[in-house]
Amino acid sequence: MVDEEEASVHKQLERCLPTRSRLSQWHVDCSLLCHICDHDGEDDLYVFFECIAARDIWQAAGLEMVLHNDEYQSESVADRIFAICNKEDNGVTTSTCFCNHEGQFVAVVTIWQQTLLSTVEGQVVALLCAMEETCARGFVQVQFESDFRLLVDAI
């Protein structure tokens, strides 16, 4: 990624998440307490790394070590995430969103697998996981979509 692009992503990550602290800065009248655990001062770092719900998610994903690794303790959420992504490159995450026939969200499934795959292999694994989850949920008449043109053309 080019430095200018990375800087742009940093800015977006830093300024977009509507945390309670940010909403207050934008003069939105709201409590500063985390709606999950009532911690005072819900900011970006708290939402991503410190709240008990965030910690549970990191643990469930098998990535709890990122919470304690000194390499990932910068003051910026964007810097932490980029450091994690650049360092923890021995896995692949696949996500599948399910919508009903009216386009309304029904469910989402995210799976992290510790493996090294090419982009094409990763996209194929994602589609396979989506198909398996579809069968497991008993969904019928399913339309699969992907933004990975090579995979779509191959099918």
C-alpha atoms as a PDB file:
ATOM      1  CA  MET A   1       0.000   0.000   0.000  1.00  0.00           C
ATOM      2  CA  VAL A   2       1.318   3.443  -0.885  1.00  0.00           C
ATOM      3  CA  ASP A   3       2.039   5.751   2.060  1.00  0.00           C
ATOM      4  CA  GLU A   4      -0.591   8.274   0.871  1.00  0.00           C
ATOM      5  CA  GLU A   5      -3.223   5.541   0.691  1.00  0.00           C
ATOM      6  CA  GLU A   6      -2.245   4.243   4.114  1.00  0.00           C
ATOM      7  CA  ALA A   7      -2.482   7.751   5.562  1.00  0.00           C
ATOM      8  CA  SER A   8      -5.930   8.158   4.062  1.00  0.00           C
ATOM      9  CA  VAL A   9      -7.101   4.859   5.583  1.00  0.00           C
ATOM     10  CA  HIS A  10      -5.656   5.929   8.942  1.00  0.00           C
ATOM     11  CA  LYS A  11      -7.664   9.155   8.833  1.00  0.00           C
ATOM     12  CA  GLN A  12     -10.828   7.286   7.954  1.00  0.00           C
ATOM     13  CA  LEU A  13     -10.330   4.774  10.762  1.00  0.00           C
ATOM     14  CA  GLU A  14      -9.473   7.516  13.214  1.00  0.00           C
ATOM     15  CA  ARG A  15     -12.428   9.793  12.511  1.00  0.00           C
ATOM     16  CA  CYS A  16     -15.382   7.693  11.445  1.00  0.00           C
ATOM     17  CA  LEU A  17     -16.324   5.379  14.292  1.00  0.00           C
ATOM     18  CA  PRO A  18     -19.200   6.999  16.188  1.00  0.00           C
ATOM     19  CA  THR A  19     -17.954   6.232  19.694  1.00  0.00           C
ATOM     20  CA  ARG A  20     -19.592   7.985  22.632  1.00  0.00           C
ATOM     21  CA  SER A  21     -16.538  10.234  23.026  1.00  0.00           C
ATOM     22  CA  ARG A  22     -16.606  11.221  19.352  1.00  0.00           C
ATOM     23  CA  LEU A  23     -20.368  11.808  19.395  1.00  0.00           C
ATOM     24  CA  SER A  24     -19.820  14.138  22.334  1.00  0.00           C
ATOM     25  CA  GLN A  25     -17.136  15.996  20.363  1.00  0.00           C
ATOM     26  CA  TRP A  26     -19.662  16.359  17.549  1.00  0.00           C
ATOM     27  CA  HIS A  27     -22.078  17.916  20.118  1.00  0.00           C
ATOM     28  CA  VAL A  28     -24.439  14.932  20.178  1.00  0.00           C
ATOM     29  CA  ASP A  29     -26.115  14.743  23.559  1.00  0.00           C
ATOM     30  CA  CYS A  30     -25.394  11.209  24.786  1.00  0.00           C
ATOM     31  CA  SER A  31     -23.936   9.355  27.713  1.00  0.00           C
ATOM     32  CA  LEU A  32     -20.168   8.750  27.606  1.00  0.00           C
ATOM     33  CA  LEU A  33     -20.640   5.300  29.165  1.00  0.00           C
ATOM     34  CA  CYS A  34     -20.034   2.162  27.121  1.00  0.00           C
ATOM     35  CA  HIS A  35     -23.455   0.644  26.452  1.00  0.00           C
ATOM     36  CA  ILE A  36     -22.044  -2.855  27.096  1.00  0.00           C
ATOM     37  CA  CYS A  37     -20.158  -2.483  30.359  1.00  0.00           C
ATOM     38  CA  ASP A  38     -20.840   1.093  31.568  1.00  0.00           C
ATOM     39  CA  HIS A  39     -17.140   2.046  31.401  1.00  0.00           C
ATOM     40  CA  ASP A  40     -16.732   5.813  31.360  1.00  0.00           C
ATOM     41  CA  GLY A  41     -15.056   7.182  28.233  1.00  0.00           C
ATOM     42  CA  GLU A  42     -15.962   4.950  25.308  1.00  0.00           C
ATOM     43  CA  ASP A  43     -13.366   5.878  22.674  1.00  0.00           C
ATOM     44  CA  ASP A  44     -11.820   4.039  19.699  1.00  0.00           C
ATOM     45  CA  LEU A  45      -9.182   2.186  21.732  1.00  0.00           C
ATOM     46  CA  TYR A  46     -11.760   1.110  24.263  1.00  0.00           C
ATOM     47  CA  VAL A  47     -14.217  -0.172  21.649  1.00  0.00           C
ATOM     48  CA  PHE A  48     -11.610  -2.169  19.712  1.00  0.00           C
ATOM     49  CA  PHE A  49      -9.321  -3.438  22.463  1.00  0.00           C
ATOM     50  CA  GLU A  50     -10.371  -2.744  26.051  1.00  0.00           C
ATOM     51  CA  CYS A  51     -14.084  -3.426  26.432  1.00  0.00           C
ATOM     52  CA  ILE A  52     -14.860  -6.913  27.734  1.00  0.00           C
ATOM     53  CA  ALA A  53     -16.871  -7.605  24.571  1.00  0.00           C
ATOM     54  CA  ALA A  54     -13.891  -6.658  22.373  1.00  0.00           C
ATOM     55  CA  ARG A  55     -11.589  -8.840  24.444  1.00  0.00           C
ATOM     56  CA  ASP A  56     -14.008 -11.755  24.111  1.00  0.00           C
ATOM     57  CA  ILE A  57     -14.049 -11.307  20.332  1.00  0.00           C
ATOM     58  CA  TRP A  58     -10.228 -11.238  20.090  1.00  0.00           C
ATOM     59  CA  GLN A  59     -10.133 -14.392  22.226  1.00  0.00           C
ATOM     60  CA  ALA A  60     -12.839 -16.169  20.202  1.00  0.00           C
ATOM     61  CA  ALA A  61     -10.907 -15.382  17.019  1.00  0.00           C
ATOM     62  CA  GLY A  62      -7.808 -16.962  18.511  1.00  0.00           C
ATOM     63  CA  LEU A  63      -6.015 -13.617  18.489  1.00  0.00           C
ATOM     64  CA  GLU A  64      -5.929 -12.776  22.194  1.00  0.00           C
ATOM     65  CA  MET A  65      -2.144 -12.359  21.960  1.00  0.00           C
ATOM     66  CA  VAL A  66      -2.645  -9.045  20.141  1.00  0.00           C
ATOM     67  CA  LEU A  67      -4.010  -7.565  23.371  1.00  0.00           C
ATOM     68  CA  HIS A  68      -0.770  -8.235  25.227  1.00  0.00           C
ATOM     69  CA  ASN A  69       1.892  -7.958  22.522  1.00  0.00           C
ATOM     70  CA  ASP A  70       3.993  -4.783  23.009  1.00  0.00           C
ATOM     71  CA  GLU A  71       4.275  -4.356  19.223  1.00  0.00           C
ATOM     72  CA  TYR A  72       0.550  -3.597  19.076  1.00  0.00           C
ATOM     73  CA  GLN A  73       0.247  -1.036  21.863  1.00  0.00           C
ATOM     74  CA  SER A  74       0.355   2.260  19.939  1.00  0.00           C
ATOM     75  CA  GLU A  75      -2.096   4.992  20.890  1.00  0.00           C
ATOM     76  CA  SER A  76      -3.886   4.847  17.547  1.00  0.00           C
ATOM     77  CA  VAL A  77      -6.433   2.183  16.661  1.00  0.00           C
ATOM     78  CA  ALA A  78      -5.457   2.446  13.000  1.00  0.00           C
ATOM     79  CA  ASP A  79      -1.765   1.949  13.845  1.00  0.00           C
ATOM     80  CA  ARG A  80      -2.593  -1.075  15.990  1.00  0.00           C
ATOM     81  CA  ILE A  81      -4.758  -2.659  13.313  1.00  0.00           C
ATOM     82  CA  PHE A  82      -2.155  -2.073  10.601  1.00  0.00           C
ATOM     83  CA  ALA A  83       0.551  -3.532  12.836  1.00  0.00           C
ATOM     84  CA  ILE A  84      -1.595  -6.599  13.530  1.00  0.00           C
ATOM     85  CA  CYS A  85      -2.434  -7.095   9.855  1.00  0.00           C
ATOM     86  CA  ASN A  86       1.172  -6.678   8.787  1.00  0.00           C
ATOM     87  CA  LYS A  87       2.510  -9.047  11.435  1.00  0.00           C
ATOM     88  CA  GLU A  88      -0.222 -11.670  11.835  1.00  0.00           C
ATOM     89  CA  ASP A  89      -0.270 -12.742   8.199  1.00  0.00           C
ATOM     90  CA  ASN A  90      -0.523 -16.470   8.777  1.00  0.00           C
ATOM     91  CA  GLY A  91      -4.267 -16.722   8.475  1.00  0.00           C
ATOM     92  CA  VAL A  92      -7.282 -15.917   6.391  1.00  0.00           C
ATOM     93  CA  THR A  93     -10.626 -14.485   7.449  1.00  0.00           C
ATOM     94  CA  THR A  94     -13.787 -15.220   5.518  1.00  0.00           C
ATOM     95  CA  SER A  95     -17.083 -13.452   6.080  1.00  0.00           C
ATOM     96  CA  THR A  96     -20.497 -14.299   4.745  1.00  0.00           C
ATOM     97  CA  CYS A  97     -23.601 -12.125   4.982  1.00  0.00           C
ATOM     98  CA  PHE A  98     -27.034 -13.626   4.521  1.00  0.00           C
ATOM     99  CA  CYS A  99     -29.950 -11.510   3.325  1.00  0.00           C
ATOM    100  CA  ASN A 100     -33.506 -12.571   2.640  1.00  0.00           C
ATOM    101  CA  HIS A 101     -35.329 -12.202  -0.689  1.00  0.00           C
ATOM    102  CA  GLU A 102     -36.086  -8.551   0.151  1.00  0.00           C
ATOM    103  CA  GLY A 103     -32.419  -7.752   0.745  1.00  0.00           C
ATOM    104  CA  GLN A 104     -32.826  -7.501   4.520  1.00  0.00           C
ATOM    105  CA  PHE A 105     -29.922  -8.668   6.652  1.00  0.00           C
ATOM    106  CA  VAL A 106     -30.478 -12.090   8.281  1.00  0.00           C
ATOM    107  CA  ALA A 107     -27.105 -13.246   9.631  1.00  0.00           C
ATOM    108  CA  VAL A 108     -23.349 -12.920   9.302  1.00  0.00           C
ATOM    109  CA  VAL A 109     -20.666 -15.547   9.807  1.00  0.00           C
ATOM    110  CA  THR A 110     -16.957 -14.791  10.104  1.00  0.00           C
ATOM    111  CA  ILE A 111     -14.354 -17.527  10.191  1.00  0.00           C
ATOM    112  CA  TRP A 112     -10.612 -17.201  10.781  1.00  0.00           C
ATOM    113  CA  GLN A 113      -8.372 -20.019   9.641  1.00  0.00           C
ATOM    114  CA  GLN A 114      -4.669 -20.288  10.340  1.00  0.00           C
ATOM    115  CA  THR A 115      -3.278 -21.048   6.896  1.00  0.00           C
ATOM    116  CA  LEU A 116      -1.420 -19.413   4.043  1.00  0.00           C
ATOM    117  CA  LEU A 117      -3.467 -19.039   0.883  1.00  0.00           C
ATOM    118  CA  SER A 118      -3.193 -17.100  -2.325  1.00  0.00           C
ATOM    119  CA  THR A 119      -5.915 -14.546  -3.051  1.00  0.00           C
ATOM    120  CA  VAL A 120      -7.643 -16.956  -5.416  1.00  0.00           C
ATOM    121  CA  GLU A 121      -7.471 -19.819  -2.914  1.00  0.00           C
ATOM    122  CA  GLY A 122      -8.781 -17.535  -0.168  1.00  0.00           C
ATOM    123  CA  GLN A 123     -11.760 -16.512  -2.301  1.00  0.00           C
ATOM    124  CA  VAL A 124     -12.532 -20.155  -3.111  1.00  0.00           C
ATOM    125  CA  VAL A 125     -12.333 -21.061   0.594  1.00  0.00           C
ATOM    126  CA  ALA A 126     -14.686 -18.165   1.389  1.00  0.00           C
ATOM    127  CA  LEU A 127     -17.225 -19.398  -1.144  1.00  0.00           C
ATOM    128  CA  LEU A 128     -16.937 -22.968   0.115  1.00  0.00           C
ATOM    129  CA  CYS A 129     -17.468 -21.800   3.719  1.00  0.00           C
ATOM    130  CA  ALA A 130     -20.514 -19.797   2.592  1.00  0.00           C
ATOM    131  CA  MET A 131     -21.948 -22.861   0.867  1.00  0.00           C
ATOM    132  CA  GLU A 132     -21.333 -25.056   3.912  1.00  0.00           C
ATOM    133  CA  GLU A 133     -22.945 -22.486   6.232  1.00  0.00           C
ATOM    134  CA  THR A 134     -25.905 -22.202   3.860  1.00  0.00           C
ATOM    135  CA  CYS A 135     -26.476 -25.953   4.044  1.00  0.00           C
ATOM    136  CA  ALA A 136     -26.002 -26.015   7.830  1.00  0.00           C
ATOM    137  CA  ARG A 137     -28.666 -23.313   8.243  1.00  0.00           C
ATOM    138  CA  GLY A 138     -31.071 -25.097   5.918  1.00  0.00           C
ATOM    139  CA  PHE A 139     -31.319 -22.183   3.487  1.00  0.00           C
ATOM    140  CA  VAL A 140     -32.690 -23.031   0.043  1.00  0.00           C
ATOM    141  CA  GLN A 141     -32.770 -21.132  -3.256  1.00  0.00           C
ATOM    142  CA  VAL A 142     -29.625 -19.180  -2.398  1.00  0.00           C
ATOM    143  CA  GLN A 143     -27.882 -16.756  -4.701  1.00  0.00           C
ATOM    144  CA  PHE A 144     -24.146 -16.372  -4.053  1.00  0.00           C
ATOM    145  CA  GLU A 145     -22.378 -13.121  -4.878  1.00  0.00           C
ATOM    146  CA  SER A 146     -18.712 -12.193  -4.902  1.00  0.00           C
ATOM    147  CA  ASP A 147     -16.775  -9.092  -5.846  1.00  0.00           C
ATOM    148  CA  PHE A 148     -13.809 -11.245  -6.908  1.00  0.00           C
ATOM    149  CA  ARG A 149     -14.171 -11.210 -10.694  1.00  0.00           C
ATOM    150  CA  LEU A 150     -11.802 -14.136 -11.366  1.00  0.00           C
ATOM    151  CA  LEU A 151     -13.874 -16.423  -9.138  1.00  0.00           C
ATOM    152  CA  VAL A 152     -17.179 -15.253 -10.623  1.00  0.00           C
ATOM    153  CA  ASP A 153     -15.898 -15.819 -14.165  1.00  0.00           C
ATOM    154  CA  ALA A 154     -14.601 -19.296 -13.242  1.00  0.00           C
ATOM    155  CA  ILE A 155     -18.002 -20.372 -11.950  1.00  0.00           C
END
